[in-house]
Structure formats: C-alpha cells, structure tokens
N, C-alpha and C. Protein backbone atom coordinates (compact mmCIF):
# COMPACT_ATOMS: atom_id res chain seq x y z
N UNK A 1 -39.17 96.80 -123.18
CA UNK A 1 -38.11 96.13 -121.97
C UNK A 1 -37.05 95.82 -123.49
N UNK A 2 -37.90 95.54 -124.27
CA UNK A 2 -36.46 95.00 -125.46
C UNK A 2 -36.30 96.35 -126.53
N UNK A 3 -37.14 96.90 -126.37
CA UNK A 3 -36.23 98.61 -126.98
C UNK A 3 -34.90 98.53 -125.96
N UNK A 4 -35.37 99.12 -124.85
CA UNK A 4 -34.01 99.19 -123.86
C UNK A 4 -32.99 98.90 -124.15
N UNK A 5 -33.50 97.66 -123.96
CA UNK A 5 -32.18 95.81 -124.33
C UNK A 5 -31.42 96.22 -125.25
N UNK A 6 -32.40 97.21 -126.19
CA UNK A 6 -31.51 97.15 -128.41
C UNK A 6 -30.73 98.28 -128.10
N UNK A 7 -31.36 99.59 -126.75
CA UNK A 7 -31.10 100.19 -127.60
C UNK A 7 -29.38 100.87 -126.33
N UNK A 8 -29.02 99.60 -125.70
CA UNK A 8 -28.02 99.37 -124.30
C UNK A 8 -27.15 98.83 -125.28
N UNK A 9 -27.64 97.72 -126.03
CA UNK A 9 -26.57 96.91 -126.84
C UNK A 9 -25.44 98.60 -127.49
N UNK A 10 -26.94 98.33 -128.77
CA UNK A 10 -26.51 99.52 -129.55
C UNK A 10 -25.54 100.81 -128.85
N UNK A 11 -25.43 101.11 -128.19
CA UNK A 11 -25.06 102.49 -127.21
C UNK A 11 -24.12 101.68 -126.47
N UNK A 12 -23.38 100.73 -125.81
CA UNK A 12 -21.92 100.35 -126.36
C UNK A 12 -21.41 99.60 -127.50
N UNK A 13 -21.82 99.31 -128.46
CA UNK A 13 -20.91 99.35 -129.48
C UNK A 13 -20.31 100.69 -130.03
N UNK A 14 -21.60 101.27 -129.80
CA UNK A 14 -21.42 102.75 -130.76
C UNK A 14 -19.81 103.65 -129.27
N UNK A 15 -20.14 103.44 -128.27
CA UNK A 15 -18.73 103.25 -127.41
C UNK A 15 -17.84 102.54 -127.33
N UNK A 16 -17.98 101.71 -127.60
CA UNK A 16 -16.45 101.01 -127.81
C UNK A 16 -15.83 100.80 -128.58
N UNK A 17 -16.86 101.97 -130.02
CA UNK A 17 -15.78 102.53 -131.65
C UNK A 17 -16.03 103.25 -131.24
N UNK A 18 -15.99 104.44 -130.73
CA UNK A 18 -16.55 105.54 -130.93
C UNK A 18 -15.29 107.13 -131.18
N UNK A 19 -14.04 106.51 -130.58
CA UNK A 19 -12.96 106.68 -130.58
C UNK A 19 -12.87 106.99 -132.01
N UNK A 20 -12.15 108.49 -133.12
CA UNK A 20 -12.00 108.42 -134.36
C UNK A 20 -13.93 108.24 -135.54
N UNK A 21 -14.81 108.31 -134.81
CA UNK A 21 -16.64 108.75 -135.69
C UNK A 21 -16.64 109.51 -135.43
N UNK A 22 -17.52 109.77 -136.18
CA UNK A 22 -18.64 110.81 -136.01
C UNK A 22 -20.05 110.73 -135.44
N UNK A 23 -20.53 111.10 -134.90
CA UNK A 23 -21.02 111.84 -134.31
C UNK A 23 -22.40 112.70 -134.60
N UNK A 24 -23.59 112.23 -134.69
CA UNK A 24 -24.23 113.41 -135.22
C UNK A 24 -25.02 114.35 -134.42
N UNK A 25 -24.65 115.41 -134.62
CA UNK A 25 -25.58 116.64 -133.54
C UNK A 25 -27.04 117.25 -134.08
N UNK A 26 -27.71 117.06 -133.44
CA UNK A 26 -27.70 115.94 -131.84
C UNK A 26 -28.28 114.83 -131.51
N UNK A 27 -27.53 114.31 -130.31
CA UNK A 27 -27.56 112.12 -130.72
C UNK A 27 -28.49 111.83 -130.17
N UNK A 28 -29.78 113.12 -130.04
CA UNK A 28 -31.04 111.92 -129.41
C UNK A 28 -31.05 110.31 -127.95
N UNK A 29 -31.83 110.17 -129.41
CA UNK A 29 -31.91 108.81 -128.44
C UNK A 29 -31.15 107.41 -127.62
N UNK A 30 -30.19 107.87 -128.18
CA UNK A 30 -28.44 107.04 -127.82
C UNK A 30 -27.84 107.84 -126.85
N UNK A 31 -28.11 109.34 -127.26
CA UNK A 31 -27.56 109.72 -125.72
C UNK A 31 -28.21 109.28 -124.45
N UNK A 32 -29.67 108.70 -124.58
CA UNK A 32 -29.98 108.88 -123.02
C UNK A 32 -29.15 107.46 -122.67
N UNK A 33 -28.93 106.57 -123.56
CA UNK A 33 -28.94 105.31 -123.52
C UNK A 33 -27.44 105.11 -122.85
N UNK A 34 -26.71 106.14 -123.65
CA UNK A 34 -24.85 106.11 -123.15
C UNK A 34 -24.81 106.81 -122.04
N UNK A 35 -25.51 107.62 -121.55
CA UNK A 35 -25.57 109.09 -120.80
C UNK A 35 -26.40 108.80 -119.27
N UNK A 36 -26.00 107.80 -118.24
CA UNK A 36 -27.11 108.56 -116.97
C UNK A 36 -27.29 109.82 -116.88
N UNK A 37 -27.94 109.96 -115.51
CA UNK A 37 -27.57 111.13 -115.29
C UNK A 37 -26.13 112.12 -115.04
N UNK A 38 -24.91 111.18 -114.60
CA UNK A 38 -23.98 112.00 -114.34
C UNK A 38 -22.97 111.59 -115.44
N UNK A 39 -23.81 111.00 -116.04
CA UNK A 39 -22.41 110.97 -117.62
C UNK A 39 -21.19 109.86 -117.38
N UNK A 40 -20.44 110.48 -118.07
CA UNK A 40 -19.09 109.39 -117.04
C UNK A 40 -18.24 109.95 -116.18
N UNK A 41 -19.20 111.01 -116.18
CA UNK A 41 -18.41 112.05 -114.24
C UNK A 41 -19.42 111.95 -113.67
N UNK A 42 -18.29 110.45 -112.92
CA UNK A 42 -18.99 110.07 -111.55
C UNK A 42 -18.97 111.03 -110.47
N UNK A 43 -20.10 110.97 -110.49
CA UNK A 43 -20.98 111.62 -108.85
C UNK A 43 -20.50 113.15 -108.78
N UNK A 44 -20.77 114.01 -110.28
CA UNK A 44 -20.99 115.49 -110.04
C UNK A 44 -21.67 115.66 -110.77
N UNK A 45 -22.56 116.29 -111.61
CA UNK A 45 -23.94 115.84 -112.75
C UNK A 45 -22.33 117.67 -113.26
N UNK A 46 -22.59 116.82 -114.64
CA UNK A 46 -21.40 118.02 -115.56
C UNK A 46 -22.54 119.28 -115.89
N UNK A 47 -21.87 120.31 -115.56
CA UNK A 47 -22.69 121.49 -116.10
C UNK A 47 -22.05 122.37 -117.36
N UNK A 48 -23.38 123.11 -118.01
CA UNK A 48 -22.81 123.39 -119.26
C UNK A 48 -23.07 125.06 -119.29
N UNK A 49 -22.58 125.68 -119.60
CA UNK A 49 -22.02 126.70 -119.06
C UNK A 49 -22.30 127.47 -120.71
N UNK A 50 -23.59 128.55 -120.41
CA UNK A 50 -23.91 129.42 -121.72
C UNK A 50 -22.86 130.28 -122.22
N UNK A 51 -23.05 130.76 -123.37
CA UNK A 51 -22.17 132.03 -124.43
C UNK A 51 -22.60 132.60 -123.46
N UNK A 52 -20.87 133.37 -124.02
CA UNK A 52 -20.63 134.84 -122.68
C UNK A 52 -21.35 136.27 -123.96
N UNK A 53 -21.84 135.78 -125.17
CA UNK A 53 -22.54 136.34 -125.54
C UNK A 53 -23.75 136.31 -126.01
N UNK A 54 -24.51 137.13 -126.90
CA UNK A 54 -25.56 136.21 -127.67
C UNK A 54 -25.76 136.13 -129.15
N UNK A 55 -25.74 135.31 -128.73
CA UNK A 55 -25.70 134.81 -130.61
C UNK A 55 -27.43 134.78 -131.16
N UNK A 56 -27.56 134.81 -133.23
CA UNK A 56 -28.87 134.69 -133.52
C UNK A 56 -28.96 134.23 -134.41
N UNK A 57 -29.61 132.87 -134.62
CA UNK A 57 -29.38 132.25 -136.47
C UNK A 57 -30.85 132.11 -136.87
N UNK A 58 -31.98 133.02 -136.08
CA UNK A 58 -33.32 133.41 -136.57
C UNK A 58 -33.71 131.54 -137.30
N UNK A 59 -33.61 130.42 -136.72
CA UNK A 59 -34.27 129.15 -137.15
C UNK A 59 -33.28 129.02 -138.25
N UNK A 60 -31.96 129.05 -137.74
CA UNK A 60 -31.41 128.67 -139.59
C UNK A 60 -30.97 126.95 -139.26
N UNK A 61 -31.21 126.64 -140.60
CA UNK A 61 -31.13 125.04 -140.42
C UNK A 61 -29.22 125.03 -140.02
N UNK A 62 -28.72 124.04 -139.15
CA UNK A 62 -27.38 122.93 -139.34
C UNK A 62 -27.68 121.63 -139.38
N UNK A 63 -26.91 120.97 -140.36
CA UNK A 63 -25.86 119.33 -140.50
C UNK A 63 -25.24 119.80 -139.45
N UNK A 64 -25.11 119.02 -138.24
CA UNK A 64 -23.31 119.42 -137.61
C UNK A 64 -22.50 117.35 -137.45
N UNK A 65 -22.12 117.29 -138.12
CA UNK A 65 -20.95 116.31 -137.40
C UNK A 65 -19.72 116.43 -137.08
N UNK A 66 -19.65 115.93 -136.23
CA UNK A 66 -19.22 115.98 -134.66
C UNK A 66 -17.65 114.66 -134.73
N UNK A 67 -17.00 114.99 -135.06
CA UNK A 67 -15.78 114.03 -135.01
C UNK A 67 -14.70 114.25 -133.51
N UNK A 68 -14.49 112.33 -133.90
CA UNK A 68 -13.81 112.45 -131.95
C UNK A 68 -11.99 111.63 -133.09
N UNK A 69 -10.59 113.27 -133.47
CA UNK A 69 -9.87 112.79 -133.48
C UNK A 69 -8.94 112.59 -133.10
N UNK A 70 -9.18 113.17 -131.59
CA UNK A 70 -8.59 113.14 -130.88
C UNK A 70 -7.60 111.63 -130.57
N UNK A 71 -7.65 109.97 -130.40
CA UNK A 71 -6.77 108.91 -130.73
C UNK A 71 -5.83 109.34 -131.98
N UNK A 72 -7.15 109.56 -133.36
CA UNK A 72 -5.22 109.42 -133.65
C UNK A 72 -4.69 110.59 -134.49
N UNK A 73 -4.81 111.75 -133.18
CA UNK A 73 -3.79 113.16 -134.20
C UNK A 73 -3.19 113.09 -132.08
N UNK A 74 -3.11 112.10 -130.85
CA UNK A 74 -2.14 112.27 -130.17
C UNK A 74 -1.65 113.49 -130.10
N UNK A 75 -2.56 114.34 -129.75
CA UNK A 75 -1.76 115.81 -129.36
C UNK A 75 -1.54 115.92 -127.97
N UNK A 76 -0.23 116.42 -128.08
CA UNK A 76 0.68 116.03 -126.43
C UNK A 76 0.39 117.82 -125.35
N UNK A 77 0.07 119.54 -126.84
CA UNK A 77 -0.75 120.55 -126.79
C UNK A 77 -1.30 120.90 -127.82
N UNK A 78 -2.38 121.90 -126.89
CA UNK A 78 -3.19 122.52 -128.27
C UNK A 78 -1.75 123.73 -129.07
N UNK A 79 -2.30 124.22 -129.57
CA UNK A 79 -2.08 125.22 -130.44
C UNK A 79 -1.94 126.56 -130.08
N UNK A 80 -2.27 127.24 -128.76
CA UNK A 80 -2.23 128.01 -128.48
C UNK A 80 -1.81 128.25 -126.66
N UNK A 81 -1.56 127.20 -126.32
CA UNK A 81 -1.13 126.92 -125.15
C UNK A 81 0.05 126.63 -124.75
N UNK A 82 1.44 126.69 -124.33
CA UNK A 82 2.46 125.69 -124.52
C UNK A 82 2.40 124.09 -123.36
N UNK A 83 1.23 124.20 -122.23
CA UNK A 83 0.80 123.06 -121.21
C UNK A 83 1.10 121.85 -122.29
N UNK A 84 1.55 120.35 -122.38
CA UNK A 84 1.38 119.54 -122.33
C UNK A 84 0.46 118.85 -121.98
N UNK A 85 -0.66 118.31 -122.83
CA UNK A 85 -1.40 117.08 -121.84
C UNK A 85 -0.77 116.48 -120.95
N UNK A 86 -1.46 115.78 -120.01
CA UNK A 86 -1.69 114.94 -119.13
C UNK A 86 -2.40 113.48 -119.89
N UNK A 87 -3.32 113.35 -119.94
CA UNK A 87 -4.03 112.59 -121.40
C UNK A 87 -4.59 111.42 -119.39
N UNK A 88 -4.59 112.37 -118.95
CA UNK A 88 -4.73 111.38 -117.16
C UNK A 88 -6.00 111.77 -116.16
N UNK A 89 -7.08 113.62 -117.21
CA UNK A 89 -7.95 113.25 -116.39
C UNK A 89 -8.89 112.50 -117.19
N UNK A 90 -10.68 112.29 -116.34
CA UNK A 90 -11.99 111.83 -117.09
C UNK A 90 -11.74 112.01 -118.56
N UNK A 91 -11.60 113.47 -118.81
CA UNK A 91 -12.07 113.79 -119.71
C UNK A 91 -11.21 112.68 -121.22
N UNK A 92 -10.20 112.20 -120.92
CA UNK A 92 -9.85 111.43 -121.67
C UNK A 92 -10.28 110.10 -122.21
N UNK A 93 -11.59 110.41 -121.57
CA UNK A 93 -12.27 109.27 -122.04
C UNK A 93 -13.27 109.51 -123.26
N UNK A 94 -13.40 108.06 -124.61
CA UNK A 94 -13.79 108.16 -125.64
C UNK A 94 -15.11 108.72 -125.10
N UNK A 95 -15.98 108.32 -123.67
CA UNK A 95 -17.52 109.09 -123.87
C UNK A 95 -17.17 110.97 -124.15
N UNK A 96 -16.39 111.15 -123.53
CA UNK A 96 -16.89 112.30 -123.99
C UNK A 96 -16.94 112.66 -124.74
N UNK A 97 -17.15 112.58 -125.72
CA UNK A 97 -17.13 113.66 -126.99
C UNK A 97 -19.12 113.38 -126.73
N UNK A 98 -19.62 112.19 -125.99
CA UNK A 98 -21.32 112.85 -126.20
C UNK A 98 -21.76 113.75 -125.46
N UNK A 99 -20.81 114.31 -124.65
CA UNK A 99 -20.77 115.66 -123.24
C UNK A 99 -20.84 116.52 -125.05
N UNK A 100 -19.00 116.53 -125.50
CA UNK A 100 -19.29 117.00 -126.71
C UNK A 100 -20.20 117.48 -126.89
N UNK A 101 -20.74 116.46 -127.60
CA UNK A 101 -21.72 116.63 -129.06
C UNK A 101 -23.11 117.41 -128.84
N UNK A 102 -23.37 117.01 -126.73
CA UNK A 102 -24.99 117.88 -126.17
C UNK A 102 -24.60 118.98 -125.65
N UNK A 103 -22.83 119.44 -125.64
CA UNK A 103 -22.76 121.21 -125.91
C UNK A 103 -22.83 121.57 -126.59
N UNK A 104 -22.74 121.18 -127.98
CA UNK A 104 -22.66 121.77 -129.96
C UNK A 104 -24.18 122.48 -129.47
N UNK A 105 -25.31 121.04 -129.01
CA UNK A 105 -26.52 120.57 -128.66
C UNK A 105 -26.85 122.04 -128.24
N UNK A 106 -26.41 122.27 -127.28
CA UNK A 106 -27.09 123.15 -126.46
C UNK A 106 -26.70 124.53 -126.81
N UNK A 107 -25.98 125.14 -127.13
CA UNK A 107 -25.43 125.63 -127.75
C UNK A 107 -26.39 127.10 -129.34
N UNK A 108 -25.62 125.94 -129.57
CA UNK A 108 -26.70 126.33 -131.04
C UNK A 108 -28.32 126.45 -130.66
N UNK A 109 -28.84 125.35 -130.11
CA UNK A 109 -30.25 125.69 -129.38
C UNK A 109 -30.42 126.88 -128.74
N UNK A 110 -29.44 127.02 -128.29
CA UNK A 110 -29.53 128.78 -127.52
C UNK A 110 -29.97 130.02 -128.37
N UNK A 111 -29.21 129.27 -128.96
CA UNK A 111 -28.52 130.70 -130.18
C UNK A 111 -29.69 130.73 -131.48
N UNK A 112 -30.74 129.72 -130.83
CA UNK A 112 -31.35 130.14 -132.16
C UNK A 112 -31.15 129.62 -133.24
N UNK A 113 -30.74 128.63 -133.27
CA UNK A 113 -29.98 127.53 -134.64
C UNK A 113 -31.30 126.13 -134.40
N UNK A 114 -31.37 125.31 -134.84
CA UNK A 114 -32.26 124.57 -135.73
C UNK A 114 -31.34 123.33 -136.01
N UNK A 115 -31.12 122.84 -135.27
CA UNK A 115 -29.68 120.80 -135.27
C UNK A 115 -30.94 119.84 -136.15
N UNK A 116 -30.98 120.19 -137.72
CA UNK A 116 -30.95 118.97 -138.12
C UNK A 116 -30.20 118.09 -138.90
N UNK A 117 -30.62 116.83 -138.37
CA UNK A 117 -29.41 116.04 -139.97
C UNK A 117 -30.16 115.42 -141.70
N UNK A 118 -31.17 116.45 -141.69
CA UNK A 118 -31.65 116.61 -142.90
C UNK A 118 -31.74 117.40 -144.13
N UNK A 119 -30.26 118.16 -142.78
CA UNK A 119 -30.80 120.00 -143.29
C UNK A 119 -29.54 119.30 -144.31
N UNK A 120 -29.37 120.84 -145.57
CA UNK A 120 -28.24 120.72 -146.40
C UNK A 120 -26.98 121.58 -145.89
N UNK A 121 -27.02 122.68 -145.11
CA UNK A 121 -26.23 123.14 -144.92
C UNK A 121 -25.62 122.29 -143.62
N UNK A 122 -23.91 122.20 -144.01
CA UNK A 122 -23.09 120.84 -143.35
C UNK A 122 -22.01 121.61 -142.44
N UNK A 123 -22.01 121.34 -141.13
CA UNK A 123 -20.55 121.86 -139.88
C UNK A 123 -20.21 120.84 -140.03
N UNK A 124 -18.85 120.65 -140.01
CA UNK A 124 -17.90 119.51 -139.43
C UNK A 124 -16.59 119.99 -138.64
N UNK A 125 -17.43 119.60 -137.78
CA UNK A 125 -16.09 120.18 -136.36
C UNK A 125 -15.14 118.99 -135.51
N UNK A 126 -14.30 118.88 -135.63
CA UNK A 126 -13.04 117.60 -135.19
C UNK A 126 -12.41 118.20 -133.90
N UNK A 127 -12.83 117.55 -132.58
CA UNK A 127 -13.02 117.03 -132.18
C UNK A 127 -11.44 116.62 -131.30
N UNK A 128 -10.60 117.57 -130.87
CA UNK A 128 -8.60 117.49 -131.50
C UNK A 128 -8.43 117.32 -129.93
N UNK A 129 -8.50 117.45 -128.96
CA UNK A 129 -8.05 117.51 -127.40
C UNK A 129 -8.38 118.44 -127.28
N UNK A 130 -8.48 117.92 -125.29
CA UNK A 130 -8.90 118.73 -124.49
C UNK A 130 -8.18 117.56 -122.87
N UNK A 131 -8.12 119.03 -122.07
CA UNK A 131 -7.16 118.07 -120.79
C UNK A 131 -7.59 119.13 -119.79
N UNK A 132 -7.30 118.80 -119.04
CA UNK A 132 -7.67 119.89 -117.44
C UNK A 132 -6.53 120.06 -116.51
N UNK A 133 -5.69 120.37 -116.59
CA UNK A 133 -4.20 120.98 -115.59
C UNK A 133 -4.32 122.04 -114.39
N UNK A 134 -4.19 121.15 -113.46
CA UNK A 134 -3.49 121.84 -112.50
C UNK A 134 -1.95 122.46 -111.91
N UNK A 135 -1.33 124.14 -112.54
CA UNK A 135 -0.97 124.02 -112.83
C UNK A 135 -0.09 124.89 -110.85
N UNK A 136 1.02 124.93 -110.19
CA UNK A 136 1.59 125.58 -109.66
C UNK A 136 1.99 124.76 -107.87
N UNK A 137 2.73 125.69 -106.44
CA UNK A 137 3.00 124.84 -106.04
C UNK A 137 1.89 125.54 -104.71
N UNK A 138 1.65 125.49 -104.07
CA UNK A 138 0.62 126.41 -102.93
C UNK A 138 -0.59 126.68 -103.27
N UNK A 139 -0.10 127.91 -104.75
CA UNK A 139 -1.38 128.66 -104.41
C UNK A 139 -1.58 127.85 -106.29
N UNK A 140 -2.79 127.34 -106.63
CA UNK A 140 -2.43 127.00 -107.62
C UNK A 140 -3.56 127.16 -109.02
N UNK A 141 -3.10 126.97 -110.05
CA UNK A 141 -3.73 128.02 -111.45
C UNK A 141 -4.31 126.09 -111.52
N UNK A 142 -5.88 126.94 -112.29
CA UNK A 142 -6.13 125.48 -112.98
C UNK A 142 -6.65 126.22 -113.88
N UNK A 143 -6.06 125.57 -115.36
CA UNK A 143 -6.77 125.81 -116.74
C UNK A 143 -7.44 124.91 -117.42
N UNK A 144 -7.67 125.05 -118.74
CA UNK A 144 -9.14 123.96 -119.09
C UNK A 144 -8.47 124.49 -120.76
N UNK A 145 -7.98 123.14 -120.91
CA UNK A 145 -8.13 123.04 -122.42
C UNK A 145 -8.82 122.34 -123.45
N UNK A 146 -8.63 123.19 -124.54
CA UNK A 146 -9.41 122.83 -125.61
C UNK A 146 -9.47 122.75 -126.78
N UNK A 147 -9.41 122.64 -128.39
CA UNK A 147 -9.23 122.47 -130.05
C UNK A 147 -9.83 121.39 -130.31
N UNK A 148 -10.83 122.47 -131.56
CA UNK A 148 -11.04 122.19 -132.42
C UNK A 148 -11.39 122.48 -133.45
N UNK A 149 -11.32 121.55 -134.69
CA UNK A 149 -11.38 122.04 -136.07
C UNK A 149 -12.15 122.00 -136.19
N UNK A 150 -13.37 122.89 -137.41
CA UNK A 150 -14.13 123.24 -138.16
C UNK A 150 -14.21 123.98 -139.59
N UNK A 151 -14.75 122.75 -140.28
CA UNK A 151 -14.89 122.94 -141.43
C UNK A 151 -16.65 123.74 -142.02
N UNK A 152 -16.19 124.25 -142.42
CA UNK A 152 -17.71 124.84 -143.16
C UNK A 152 -17.48 125.63 -145.07
N UNK A 153 -18.76 124.53 -145.89
CA UNK A 153 -18.04 124.99 -147.16
C UNK A 153 -16.15 125.47 -146.94
N UNK A 154 -16.25 126.18 -147.72
CA UNK A 154 -14.34 126.21 -147.23
C UNK A 154 -14.02 127.11 -146.74
N UNK A 155 -14.83 127.58 -146.16
CA UNK A 155 -13.96 127.81 -144.63
C UNK A 155 -13.09 126.94 -144.11
N UNK A 156 -11.95 127.06 -143.88
CA UNK A 156 -11.55 126.14 -142.57
C UNK A 156 -10.56 126.36 -141.56
N UNK A 157 -10.72 126.38 -139.50
CA UNK A 157 -10.14 126.69 -139.06
C UNK A 157 -9.61 126.27 -137.83
N UNK A 158 -8.81 126.14 -136.79
CA UNK A 158 -8.39 125.51 -136.30
C UNK A 158 -8.92 126.31 -134.28
N UNK A 159 -9.50 126.22 -133.83
CA UNK A 159 -10.34 127.35 -133.06
C UNK A 159 -9.14 126.47 -130.99
N UNK A 160 -8.94 126.85 -130.66
CA UNK A 160 -9.04 126.23 -129.44
C UNK A 160 -8.68 127.73 -127.86
N UNK A 161 -8.30 127.11 -127.00
CA UNK A 161 -8.57 127.70 -125.57
C UNK A 161 -7.75 127.46 -124.68
N UNK A 162 -6.88 128.03 -123.84
CA UNK A 162 -6.53 127.34 -122.36
C UNK A 162 -6.75 128.70 -121.41
N UNK A 163 -7.91 128.40 -120.59
CA UNK A 163 -8.19 128.81 -120.39
C UNK A 163 -8.22 128.95 -118.12
N UNK A 164 -8.00 130.03 -117.12
CA UNK A 164 -7.35 129.49 -116.76
C UNK A 164 -9.22 130.40 -115.50
N UNK A 165 -8.47 129.72 -113.77
CA UNK A 165 -10.10 129.89 -113.08
C UNK A 165 -9.83 131.90 -112.71
N UNK A 166 -8.32 132.13 -113.08
CA UNK A 166 -8.54 133.76 -113.39
C UNK A 166 -9.44 134.72 -114.25
N UNK A 167 -8.92 133.96 -115.66
CA UNK A 167 -9.66 134.51 -116.44
C UNK A 167 -10.96 135.46 -116.58
N UNK A 168 -11.36 136.17 -117.32
CA UNK A 168 -12.15 137.37 -116.93
C UNK A 168 -12.99 136.33 -117.41
N UNK A 169 -13.41 135.07 -118.66
CA UNK A 169 -14.50 134.01 -118.28
C UNK A 169 -15.73 132.81 -117.74
N UNK A 170 -14.01 132.91 -116.14
CA UNK A 170 -14.09 131.11 -116.31
C UNK A 170 -14.93 131.97 -114.84
N UNK A 171 -16.14 130.38 -115.14
CA UNK A 171 -16.95 130.20 -114.16
C UNK A 171 -17.08 130.35 -112.51
N UNK A 172 -15.68 130.27 -112.26
CA UNK A 172 -15.16 130.17 -110.67
C UNK A 172 -13.85 131.52 -110.55
N UNK A 173 -14.24 131.90 -109.73
CA UNK A 173 -12.99 132.68 -109.37
C UNK A 173 -11.52 131.71 -108.58
N UNK A 174 -10.52 132.47 -108.65
CA UNK A 174 -9.30 131.56 -108.33
C UNK A 174 -9.56 131.91 -106.46
N UNK A 175 -9.96 131.50 -106.40
CA UNK A 175 -10.45 132.38 -104.41
C UNK A 175 -11.56 131.36 -103.95
N UNK A 176 -12.08 131.04 -105.10
CA UNK A 176 -13.19 129.42 -104.73
C UNK A 176 -13.13 128.90 -104.09
N UNK A 177 -13.68 127.85 -102.80
CA UNK A 177 -14.00 126.62 -102.56
C UNK A 177 -14.26 125.81 -102.78
N UNK A 178 -13.36 125.22 -103.79
CA UNK A 178 -14.34 123.84 -104.69
C UNK A 178 -13.12 123.02 -104.14
N UNK A 179 -13.33 121.94 -104.39
CA UNK A 179 -12.62 120.31 -104.62
C UNK A 179 -11.41 120.75 -106.51
N UNK A 180 -10.72 120.20 -106.38
CA UNK A 180 -9.42 119.80 -107.10
C UNK A 180 -10.23 118.89 -108.24
N UNK A 181 -10.91 117.73 -107.91
CA UNK A 181 -11.62 117.69 -108.64
C UNK A 181 -13.07 118.30 -109.51
N UNK A 182 -13.52 118.77 -108.61
CA UNK A 182 -14.41 119.77 -109.46
C UNK A 182 -13.39 120.76 -109.96
N UNK A 183 -13.12 121.52 -109.49
CA UNK A 183 -12.23 122.59 -110.48
C UNK A 183 -12.30 122.47 -111.97
N UNK A 184 -11.61 121.46 -111.79
CA UNK A 184 -11.01 120.89 -113.02
C UNK A 184 -11.59 120.85 -113.82
N UNK A 185 -13.20 120.09 -113.40
CA UNK A 185 -14.44 120.14 -113.94
C UNK A 185 -14.61 120.60 -114.09
N UNK A 186 -14.25 121.81 -113.94
CA UNK A 186 -15.42 123.64 -114.26
C UNK A 186 -14.69 123.79 -115.60
N UNK A 187 -13.61 123.84 -115.04
CA UNK A 187 -12.19 124.69 -116.03
C UNK A 187 -12.51 124.28 -118.05
N UNK A 188 -12.84 122.31 -117.60
CA UNK A 188 -12.61 121.55 -118.88
C UNK A 188 -14.05 122.22 -119.71
N UNK A 189 -14.92 122.09 -118.53
CA UNK A 189 -16.06 122.88 -118.91
C UNK A 189 -15.71 124.10 -119.87
N UNK A 190 -15.59 124.49 -119.02
CA UNK A 190 -15.46 126.05 -119.32
C UNK A 190 -14.65 126.25 -120.82
N UNK A 191 -13.94 125.27 -121.14
CA UNK A 191 -12.58 125.59 -121.83
C UNK A 191 -13.76 124.29 -123.46
N UNK A 192 -14.48 123.88 -123.17
CA UNK A 192 -15.64 123.91 -124.57
C UNK A 192 -16.32 124.62 -124.57
N UNK A 193 -16.69 125.27 -124.05
CA UNK A 193 -18.09 126.10 -124.07
C UNK A 193 -16.68 127.62 -124.80
N UNK A 194 -15.54 128.24 -124.82
CA UNK A 194 -15.43 128.65 -125.10
C UNK A 194 -14.36 128.54 -126.26
N UNK A 195 -14.27 127.45 -126.94
CA UNK A 195 -14.48 127.38 -128.19
C UNK A 195 -15.72 126.83 -128.65
N UNK A 196 -17.21 126.45 -128.40
CA UNK A 196 -17.59 126.84 -128.93
C UNK A 196 -18.61 127.59 -129.50
N UNK A 197 -18.07 128.21 -128.71
CA UNK A 197 -19.12 130.13 -129.18
C UNK A 197 -17.55 130.42 -129.00
N UNK A 198 -16.24 130.47 -130.23
CA UNK A 198 -15.81 131.30 -131.61
C UNK A 198 -16.35 130.01 -132.81
N UNK A 199 -16.68 129.37 -132.31
CA UNK A 199 -17.95 128.32 -133.65
C UNK A 199 -18.83 129.38 -134.24
N UNK A 200 -19.56 129.48 -132.73
CA UNK A 200 -20.96 129.95 -133.48
C UNK A 200 -21.06 131.38 -133.52
N UNK A 201 -19.47 132.35 -132.98
CA UNK A 201 -19.62 133.40 -133.37
C UNK A 201 -19.34 133.95 -135.38
N UNK A 202 -17.75 133.05 -135.87
CA UNK A 202 -17.59 132.90 -136.65
C UNK A 202 -18.85 132.20 -137.97
N UNK A 203 -19.93 131.03 -137.09
CA UNK A 203 -20.72 130.89 -138.17
C UNK A 203 -22.02 131.87 -138.09
N UNK A 204 -22.29 132.54 -137.51
CA UNK A 204 -23.26 134.03 -137.26
C UNK A 204 -22.48 135.13 -138.55
N UNK A 205 -21.41 135.17 -138.52
CA UNK A 205 -20.85 136.21 -139.12
C UNK A 205 -21.03 135.65 -141.09
N UNK A 206 -21.82 134.24 -140.80
CA UNK A 206 -21.57 134.03 -142.80
C UNK A 206 -22.86 134.30 -142.66
N UNK A 207 -24.46 134.57 -142.05
CA UNK A 207 -25.46 134.70 -141.93
C UNK A 207 -25.86 136.44 -142.10
C-alpha cells in the first residue's frame, strides 16, 4: 500500500509538471500509476494502430527521450496543413504525452527495436502539436493533425500529418457509423501513428 501511495504521489507530481518536460520511453511503472485502463480518455479505451508497412531493427537498442513542447510552442497549425488548432479536444490535456510515449514504445517494439534507458544510441522526439477536427456541414470530414520533431545524432527533421477519414491509411471510412467523439479519437490516434511511422522509416534507413 505504501508503494502504491508513493507511485500515486510521483504520478501526480509528474502530471502536474509534464508540459515541457521529458519522458523517457518506455515509461513503465509510472505509466501504470498515471494512466488507468482508459487513460485520460474517459469512457473509451484508447486504440493503438500498427504501422502500415513493416520495419525490422533486429534488436537494435535505442534510448528515446520524448519532450512535450506544446505549451512552449503554442502552435496554431502544423507545417503540412492550413487547418488551425482549436486546442479544445481531450488531446490537449498534458497527459497526452504519456499516450504518445506508449505509442512510441508499442510501434518501436513491434518493429524489433529494444528501448533501453541505458542505451547509447539516443533519439530525441519533440511532441509539438496535436488536434482532431470535424470540418464541413452535413457531410463532415474528420481530420487528425499531429507534428513532431526528431533529433538523431546530426539528423534533425520535422514530421507532420493531416490525415482524414477519406485517406488510404485511415482506420475508418467516411461512411463509418461512429459518434463524433469516437471519430475524432480514432483520427487523432491515426495521426500519431502516421508521424511515428515516418520517424521509424527514417531511423531504419540509417541501420
């Protein structure tokens, strides 16, 4: 019980000051304390989508440092889209960084990478912005918007995506019968997947 209370206190402290801070992936035991089954998305389990293409790192070890820079940057839109952020979705919550950390952990492990906090090969990922938008009247288009920056040795690159429910890689079709909340959750998750996959693809090219 004492250990559980200690973890809860640590989790509260991290959640309170997570904006602009670093999260080492995998986040492990702290993640279990700060994220119940449904995480910060009440009433619906957050879905992680696998990469579209397959990648294989053959057990290569990475130390991944994930930074939440959203509060510092306060982006109004991402580089690859003219849509403006409303920052009113549940994904604007500071705890979103933990879901991104879980996503990075999940997709890298599925690609045969080993995430090790003591590894010398360091990848820095800066989580810069995310939003989910419903655009249109009557016939709505659901957008997932996400942007991250990666620094790997001397390699520096910004990745972004504006994915809609009509795109090839969308987990749902424009005709899917889902609620607006579910649709935006799905497309926001898909946008995170798309950006992480771009990062994985570039890192694989170095190996």
